[in-house]
């Protein structure tokens, strides 16, 4: 009887371990997919491919493609290259169709001493891919306001309680 209990306990523990291991692997895989999606979006911006950038973004609202492209061409700010672009990437919350990540985005061409933005970003799953929000790109670019001649941010650091 004790042997049966021991074998059953061993099998149960093995199954539980396997399930937890798969859950960790899925979370890590999702995190890398989110990071890759965000990286590819920032690459479009860095390369000046604003039409493709616009199409890759979520929550475009009333911002037309032409207006977005004109506003992005006005700014000197762009993401840093390569491994410097994204640092300390963490998935904070994930649902089926949206995720919140916390990441440091390094920037070039900023008018002041601030050359990064560390904060939460919301991504949406649309058309089979994860998309950053248009307003997040405009914020990183230092563009605010509804007109193409929006004001520029001097300090673009937003803190988060997730540190």
Protein backbone atom coordinates (compact mmCIF):
# COMPACT_ATOMS: atom_id res chain seq x y z
CA UNK A 1 0.00 0.00 0.00
CA UNK A 2 2.80 2.41 0.89
CA UNK A 3 4.57 1.53 -2.38
CA UNK A 4 1.45 2.37 -4.42
CA UNK A 5 1.11 5.69 -2.59
CA UNK A 6 4.78 6.50 -3.25
CA UNK A 7 4.48 5.66 -6.95
CA UNK A 8 1.27 7.68 -7.28
CA UNK A 9 2.89 10.63 -5.49
CA UNK A 10 5.94 10.42 -7.75
CA UNK A 11 3.81 10.35 -10.91
CA UNK A 12 1.68 13.26 -9.69
CA UNK A 13 4.77 15.34 -8.86
CA UNK A 14 6.31 14.54 -12.26
CA UNK A 15 3.15 15.63 -14.08
CA UNK A 16 2.90 18.81 -12.01
CA UNK A 17 6.55 19.65 -12.70
CA UNK A 18 6.05 19.10 -16.45
CA UNK A 19 2.98 21.35 -16.52
CA UNK A 20 4.78 24.13 -14.64
CA UNK A 21 7.83 23.82 -16.88
CA UNK A 22 5.65 24.15 -20.00
CA UNK A 23 3.94 27.22 -18.54
CA UNK A 24 7.34 28.85 -17.91
CA UNK A 25 8.46 28.00 -21.45
CA UNK A 26 5.26 29.47 -22.93
CA UNK A 27 5.66 32.68 -20.91
CA UNK A 28 9.28 33.02 -22.02
CA UNK A 29 8.33 32.36 -25.63
CA UNK A 30 5.57 34.97 -25.49
CA UNK A 31 7.99 37.45 -23.92
CA UNK A 32 10.48 36.94 -26.73
CA UNK A 33 7.70 37.33 -29.34
CA UNK A 34 6.60 40.59 -27.71
CA UNK A 35 10.17 41.86 -27.55
CA UNK A 36 10.80 40.90 -31.18
CA UNK A 37 7.61 42.65 -32.31
CA UNK A 38 8.54 45.81 -30.44
CA UNK A 39 12.09 45.67 -31.80
CA UNK A 40 10.88 45.31 -35.39
CA UNK A 41 8.51 48.26 -34.95
CA UNK A 42 11.31 50.46 -33.63
CA UNK A 43 13.54 49.34 -36.52
CA UNK A 44 10.95 50.63 -39.00
CA UNK A 45 11.08 53.99 -37.26
CA UNK A 46 14.89 54.06 -37.13
CA UNK A 47 15.09 53.26 -40.85
CA UNK A 48 12.64 56.06 -41.69
CA UNK A 49 10.06 53.64 -43.10
CA UNK A 50 7.16 55.64 -41.72
CA UNK A 51 4.44 54.27 -44.00
CA UNK A 52 5.20 50.70 -42.90
CA UNK A 53 5.55 51.93 -39.32
CA UNK A 54 2.06 53.45 -39.43
CA UNK A 55 0.60 50.21 -40.78
CA UNK A 56 2.31 48.21 -38.03
CA UNK A 57 0.77 50.27 -35.20
CA UNK A 58 -2.41 49.83 -33.19
CA UNK A 59 -5.01 52.42 -32.11
CA UNK A 60 -4.40 54.85 -34.94
CA UNK A 61 -7.61 56.75 -34.20
CA UNK A 62 -8.04 59.92 -36.22
CA UNK A 63 -4.37 60.26 -37.11
CA UNK A 64 -4.08 59.85 -40.85
CA UNK A 65 -1.14 58.13 -42.46
CA UNK A 66 -0.10 61.39 -44.15
CA UNK A 67 -0.24 63.35 -40.89
CA UNK A 68 1.71 60.66 -39.04
CA UNK A 69 4.43 60.53 -41.70
CA UNK A 70 4.77 64.33 -41.76
CA UNK A 71 5.05 64.49 -37.97
CA UNK A 72 7.61 61.69 -37.82
CA UNK A 73 9.75 63.36 -40.51
CA UNK A 74 9.90 66.53 -38.38
CA UNK A 75 11.52 64.90 -35.37
CA UNK A 76 15.23 64.22 -34.98
CA UNK A 77 14.61 61.59 -32.32
CA UNK A 78 14.87 57.93 -33.25
CA UNK A 79 15.55 54.64 -31.45
CA UNK A 80 19.13 53.60 -30.80
CA UNK A 81 20.56 50.80 -32.88
CA UNK A 82 20.94 47.12 -32.25
CA UNK A 83 21.29 45.79 -28.70
CA UNK A 84 21.09 49.32 -27.24
CA UNK A 85 17.55 49.83 -28.54
CA UNK A 86 15.67 47.81 -25.88
CA UNK A 87 16.96 47.01 -22.41
CA UNK A 88 15.49 45.38 -19.30
CA UNK A 89 12.46 44.04 -21.18
CA UNK A 90 9.83 42.53 -18.87
CA UNK A 91 6.31 41.28 -19.50
CA UNK A 92 4.19 42.76 -16.72
CA UNK A 93 0.74 41.56 -17.75
CA UNK A 94 -0.58 39.47 -20.57
CA UNK A 95 -4.05 38.58 -21.76
CA UNK A 96 -5.19 36.87 -24.92
CA UNK A 97 -5.25 40.05 -27.05
CA UNK A 98 -3.15 42.55 -25.10
CA UNK A 99 0.04 42.71 -23.10
CA UNK A 100 1.81 45.29 -20.99
CA UNK A 101 5.59 45.35 -21.03
CA UNK A 102 8.07 47.42 -19.07
CA UNK A 103 11.19 48.36 -20.98
CA UNK A 104 13.91 50.96 -21.39
CA UNK A 105 13.95 52.35 -24.94
CA UNK A 106 17.22 54.12 -25.75
CA UNK A 107 16.93 57.08 -28.11
CA UNK A 108 19.24 59.15 -30.31
CA UNK A 109 18.84 62.77 -31.37
CA UNK A 110 17.12 64.01 -28.24
CA UNK A 111 17.40 67.78 -27.66
CA UNK A 112 18.39 67.43 -24.02
CA UNK A 113 20.37 65.14 -21.77
CA UNK A 114 17.57 62.56 -21.56
CA UNK A 115 18.27 59.84 -24.11
CA UNK A 116 15.94 57.06 -23.01
CA UNK A 117 12.42 56.33 -21.90
CA UNK A 118 11.77 53.66 -19.28
CA UNK A 119 8.10 52.88 -18.86
CA UNK A 120 5.15 50.60 -19.57
CA UNK A 121 4.02 49.98 -23.13
CA UNK A 122 0.78 48.31 -24.14
CA UNK A 123 0.81 45.96 -27.13
CA UNK A 124 -2.29 44.59 -28.87
CA UNK A 125 -2.63 41.33 -30.76
CA UNK A 126 -4.14 42.26 -34.14
CA UNK A 127 -4.08 40.45 -37.47
CA UNK A 128 -1.95 37.69 -35.97
CA UNK A 129 0.82 39.98 -34.69
CA UNK A 130 1.63 42.11 -31.65
CA UNK A 131 1.40 45.86 -32.31
CA UNK A 132 2.62 48.89 -30.39
CA UNK A 133 0.27 51.83 -30.01
CA UNK A 134 0.65 54.87 -32.25
CA UNK A 135 0.54 57.25 -29.28
CA UNK A 136 3.52 55.48 -27.70
CA UNK A 137 5.60 56.08 -30.83
CA UNK A 138 4.58 59.75 -30.95
CA UNK A 139 5.43 60.10 -27.27
CA UNK A 140 8.86 58.52 -27.73
CA UNK A 141 9.46 60.82 -30.71
CA UNK A 142 8.70 63.82 -28.51
CA UNK A 143 5.60 64.71 -30.49
CA UNK A 144 2.51 65.83 -28.58
CA UNK A 145 -0.66 67.67 -29.42
CA UNK A 146 -3.12 67.13 -32.24
CA UNK A 147 -1.38 69.28 -34.85
CA UNK A 148 1.74 68.45 -36.84
CA UNK A 149 3.58 71.28 -35.08
CA UNK A 150 3.16 69.71 -31.65
CA UNK A 151 5.37 70.56 -28.74
CA UNK A 152 8.45 68.53 -27.95
CA UNK A 153 9.12 66.75 -24.67
CA UNK A 154 12.34 67.71 -22.95
CA UNK A 155 12.16 64.95 -20.36
CA UNK A 156 10.75 61.67 -21.58
CA UNK A 157 11.26 59.47 -18.53
CA UNK A 158 8.19 57.99 -16.92
CA UNK A 159 8.62 55.87 -13.85
CA UNK A 160 6.69 52.74 -13.02
CA UNK A 161 5.85 50.95 -9.79
CA UNK A 162 7.27 47.76 -11.33
CA UNK A 163 10.93 48.62 -10.69
